[in-house]
Amino acid sequence: MENKIIDKHFGNFFIAGFTYWEGCMALDELKIGAQLKLVREAENKFDPYAVAIYYGDYKLGFLPRGNNELVSKFLDLGYADIFDLRVQRISPDAHPEKQIGVVLFIKEADKVFNA
């Protein structure tokens, strides 16, 4: 039997700026595997490639610099649906900038365009 990989691993990282946004308010609600949303912030004065991460209405922080340039370009072109961002690790006792680990997948084309 052939194993079919549905989504491709694009990267994993900690949420940048978790300390400064609403992460502490969402921490008790977050679960491993929870889906997060990527929101492009083209007008961000600190990073021209800024991509915010949301859980529902909570802004958790950002994709780290160095992981955001290519993703921001896809978002600018309207391809937000190709990404699947999930909570991979929760470490409440770690430093706030290392409490939430996430994994970013790119969805298989037929899942995106035939949905």
C-alpha atoms as a PDB file:
ATOM      1  CA  MET A   1       0.000   0.000   0.000  1.00  0.00           C
ATOM      2  CA  GLU A   2       1.362   3.407  -0.987  1.00  0.00           C
ATOM      3  CA  ASN A   3       1.542   6.139   1.663  1.00  0.00           C
ATOM      4  CA  LYS A   4       0.358   9.406   0.196  1.00  0.00           C
ATOM      5  CA  ILE A   5       1.663  12.596   1.779  1.00  0.00           C
ATOM      6  CA  ILE A   6      -1.187  15.082   1.726  1.00  0.00           C
ATOM      7  CA  ASP A   7       0.632  18.158   3.008  1.00  0.00           C
ATOM      8  CA  LYS A   8       4.314  19.042   2.777  1.00  0.00           C
ATOM      9  CA  HIS A   9       6.296  20.334   5.715  1.00  0.00           C
ATOM     10  CA  PHE A  10       7.396  23.915   5.024  1.00  0.00           C
ATOM     11  CA  GLY A  11       8.940  24.807   8.372  1.00  0.00           C
ATOM     12  CA  ASN A  12       8.586  24.857  12.108  1.00  0.00           C
ATOM     13  CA  PHE A  13       9.426  27.611  14.565  1.00  0.00           C
ATOM     14  CA  PHE A  14       8.384  29.478  17.686  1.00  0.00           C
ATOM     15  CA  ILE A  15       5.953  32.386  17.428  1.00  0.00           C
ATOM     16  CA  ALA A  16       7.916  35.657  17.415  1.00  0.00           C
ATOM     17  CA  GLY A  17       6.621  38.402  19.709  1.00  0.00           C
ATOM     18  CA  PHE A  18       4.414  36.052  21.737  1.00  0.00           C
ATOM     19  CA  THR A  19       5.353  38.088  24.829  1.00  0.00           C
ATOM     20  CA  TYR A  20       3.945  41.331  23.413  1.00  0.00           C
ATOM     21  CA  TRP A  21       0.578  40.296  22.005  1.00  0.00           C
ATOM     22  CA  GLU A  22      -2.418  38.294  23.254  1.00  0.00           C
ATOM     23  CA  GLY A  23      -0.762  34.910  23.637  1.00  0.00           C
ATOM     24  CA  CYS A  24      -1.173  34.789  27.394  1.00  0.00           C
ATOM     25  CA  MET A  25      -4.942  35.195  26.981  1.00  0.00           C
ATOM     26  CA  ALA A  26      -5.163  32.289  24.523  1.00  0.00           C
ATOM     27  CA  LEU A  27      -2.647  29.932  26.135  1.00  0.00           C
ATOM     28  CA  ASP A  28      -5.227  27.937  28.126  1.00  0.00           C
ATOM     29  CA  GLU A  29      -7.355  27.443  24.980  1.00  0.00           C
ATOM     30  CA  LEU A  30      -4.551  26.295  22.677  1.00  0.00           C
ATOM     31  CA  LYS A  31      -4.168  22.579  22.013  1.00  0.00           C
ATOM     32  CA  ILE A  32      -1.669  20.535  20.013  1.00  0.00           C
ATOM     33  CA  GLY A  33      -2.926  20.462  16.427  1.00  0.00           C
ATOM     34  CA  ALA A  34      -5.021  23.644  16.739  1.00  0.00           C
ATOM     35  CA  GLN A  35      -5.217  25.483  13.434  1.00  0.00           C
ATOM     36  CA  LEU A  36      -3.857  29.028  13.357  1.00  0.00           C
ATOM     37  CA  LYS A  37      -4.377  31.775  10.795  1.00  0.00           C
ATOM     38  CA  LEU A  38      -1.747  33.737   8.875  1.00  0.00           C
ATOM     39  CA  VAL A  39      -2.518  37.427   8.279  1.00  0.00           C
ATOM     40  CA  ARG A  40      -0.257  39.578   6.140  1.00  0.00           C
ATOM     41  CA  GLU A  41       0.706  42.947   7.649  1.00  0.00           C
ATOM     42  CA  ALA A  42       2.128  44.769   4.630  1.00  0.00           C
ATOM     43  CA  GLU A  43       2.065  48.115   6.444  1.00  0.00           C
ATOM     44  CA  ASN A  44       4.089  46.874   9.432  1.00  0.00           C
ATOM     45  CA  LYS A  45       6.765  49.537  10.020  1.00  0.00           C
ATOM     46  CA  PHE A  46       9.185  47.103  11.688  1.00  0.00           C
ATOM     47  CA  ASP A  47       9.197  44.337   9.066  1.00  0.00           C
ATOM     48  CA  PRO A  48       8.173  44.694   5.402  1.00  0.00           C
ATOM     49  CA  TYR A  49       7.461  40.936   5.261  1.00  0.00           C
ATOM     50  CA  ALA A  50       5.438  40.748   8.493  1.00  0.00           C
ATOM     51  CA  VAL A  51       2.958  37.890   8.778  1.00  0.00           C
ATOM     52  CA  ALA A  52       0.876  37.829  11.956  1.00  0.00           C
ATOM     53  CA  ILE A  53      -0.408  34.644  13.564  1.00  0.00           C
ATOM     54  CA  TYR A  54      -3.938  34.495  14.988  1.00  0.00           C
ATOM     55  CA  TYR A  55      -5.893  31.978  16.998  1.00  0.00           C
ATOM     56  CA  GLY A  56      -9.498  33.063  16.551  1.00  0.00           C
ATOM     57  CA  ASP A  57      -9.531  36.755  17.482  1.00  0.00           C
ATOM     58  CA  TYR A  58      -6.293  36.509  19.489  1.00  0.00           C
ATOM     59  CA  LYS A  59      -3.162  37.868  17.863  1.00  0.00           C
ATOM     60  CA  LEU A  60      -0.397  35.576  19.096  1.00  0.00           C
ATOM     61  CA  GLY A  61       2.599  37.170  17.364  1.00  0.00           C
ATOM     62  CA  PHE A  62       4.377  36.723  14.052  1.00  0.00           C
ATOM     63  CA  LEU A  63       6.241  34.355  11.803  1.00  0.00           C
ATOM     64  CA  PRO A  64       9.889  34.943  12.698  1.00  0.00           C
ATOM     65  CA  ARG A  65      12.060  37.011  10.376  1.00  0.00           C
ATOM     66  CA  GLY A  66      13.903  34.665   8.116  1.00  0.00           C
ATOM     67  CA  ASN A  67      10.806  32.466   7.869  1.00  0.00           C
ATOM     68  CA  ASN A  68       8.411  35.113   6.594  1.00  0.00           C
ATOM     69  CA  GLU A  69       9.634  36.580   3.295  1.00  0.00           C
ATOM     70  CA  LEU A  70       8.496  33.774   0.993  1.00  0.00           C
ATOM     71  CA  VAL A  71       5.241  33.231   2.920  1.00  0.00           C
ATOM     72  CA  SER A  72       4.446  36.963   2.753  1.00  0.00           C
ATOM     73  CA  LYS A  73       4.897  36.934  -1.024  1.00  0.00           C
ATOM     74  CA  PHE A  74       2.429  34.060  -1.410  1.00  0.00           C
ATOM     75  CA  LEU A  75      -0.051  35.867   0.843  1.00  0.00           C
ATOM     76  CA  ASP A  76       0.366  39.077  -1.183  1.00  0.00           C
ATOM     77  CA  LEU A  77      -0.541  37.095  -4.315  1.00  0.00           C
ATOM     78  CA  GLY A  78      -3.710  35.753  -2.693  1.00  0.00           C
ATOM     79  CA  TYR A  79      -2.516  32.219  -1.957  1.00  0.00           C
ATOM     80  CA  ALA A  80      -3.369  32.136   1.768  1.00  0.00           C
ATOM     81  CA  ASP A  81      -5.293  28.876   1.291  1.00  0.00           C
ATOM     82  CA  ILE A  82      -2.173  26.901   0.433  1.00  0.00           C
ATOM     83  CA  PHE A  83      -0.885  27.142   4.019  1.00  0.00           C
ATOM     84  CA  ASP A  84      -1.890  25.128   7.046  1.00  0.00           C
ATOM     85  CA  LEU A  85      -0.367  26.402  10.309  1.00  0.00           C
ATOM     86  CA  ARG A  86      -0.786  24.202  13.397  1.00  0.00           C
ATOM     87  CA  VAL A  87       0.261  24.249  17.037  1.00  0.00           C
ATOM     88  CA  GLN A  88       2.984  21.637  17.391  1.00  0.00           C
ATOM     89  CA  ARG A  89       4.244  22.178  20.920  1.00  0.00           C
ATOM     90  CA  ILE A  90       3.004  23.913  24.056  1.00  0.00           C
ATOM     91  CA  SER A  91       5.459  24.594  26.879  1.00  0.00           C
ATOM     92  CA  PRO A  92       3.743  26.915  29.420  1.00  0.00           C
ATOM     93  CA  ASP A  93       6.764  26.930  31.749  1.00  0.00           C
ATOM     94  CA  ALA A  94       9.234  27.974  29.025  1.00  0.00           C
ATOM     95  CA  HIS A  95      10.274  31.558  28.299  1.00  0.00           C
ATOM     96  CA  PRO A  96       7.257  33.263  26.610  1.00  0.00           C
ATOM     97  CA  GLU A  97       9.069  33.458  23.261  1.00  0.00           C
ATOM     98  CA  LYS A  98       9.457  29.659  23.321  1.00  0.00           C
ATOM     99  CA  GLN A  99       6.087  28.621  24.763  1.00  0.00           C
ATOM    100  CA  ILE A 100       4.332  27.818  21.473  1.00  0.00           C
ATOM    101  CA  GLY A 101       5.979  25.861  18.681  1.00  0.00           C
ATOM    102  CA  VAL A 102       4.172  25.745  15.360  1.00  0.00           C
ATOM    103  CA  VAL A 103       4.498  23.793  12.139  1.00  0.00           C
ATOM    104  CA  LEU A 104       3.684  25.214   8.709  1.00  0.00           C
ATOM    105  CA  PHE A 105       2.528  22.932   5.901  1.00  0.00           C
ATOM    106  CA  ILE A 106       1.816  23.617   2.247  1.00  0.00           C
ATOM    107  CA  LYS A 107      -1.332  21.839   1.131  1.00  0.00           C
ATOM    108  CA  GLU A 108      -1.405  19.512  -1.835  1.00  0.00           C
ATOM    109  CA  ALA A 109      -2.668  21.371  -4.951  1.00  0.00           C
ATOM    110  CA  ASP A 110      -5.832  19.317  -5.396  1.00  0.00           C
ATOM    111  CA  LYS A 111      -6.835  20.068  -1.790  1.00  0.00           C
ATOM    112  CA  VAL A 112      -6.492  23.798  -2.456  1.00  0.00           C
ATOM    113  CA  PHE A 113      -7.880  24.196  -5.953  1.00  0.00           C
ATOM    114  CA  ASN A 114     -10.571  21.498  -5.889  1.00  0.00           C
ATOM    115  CA  ALA A 115     -11.994  22.315  -2.471  1.00  0.00           C
END
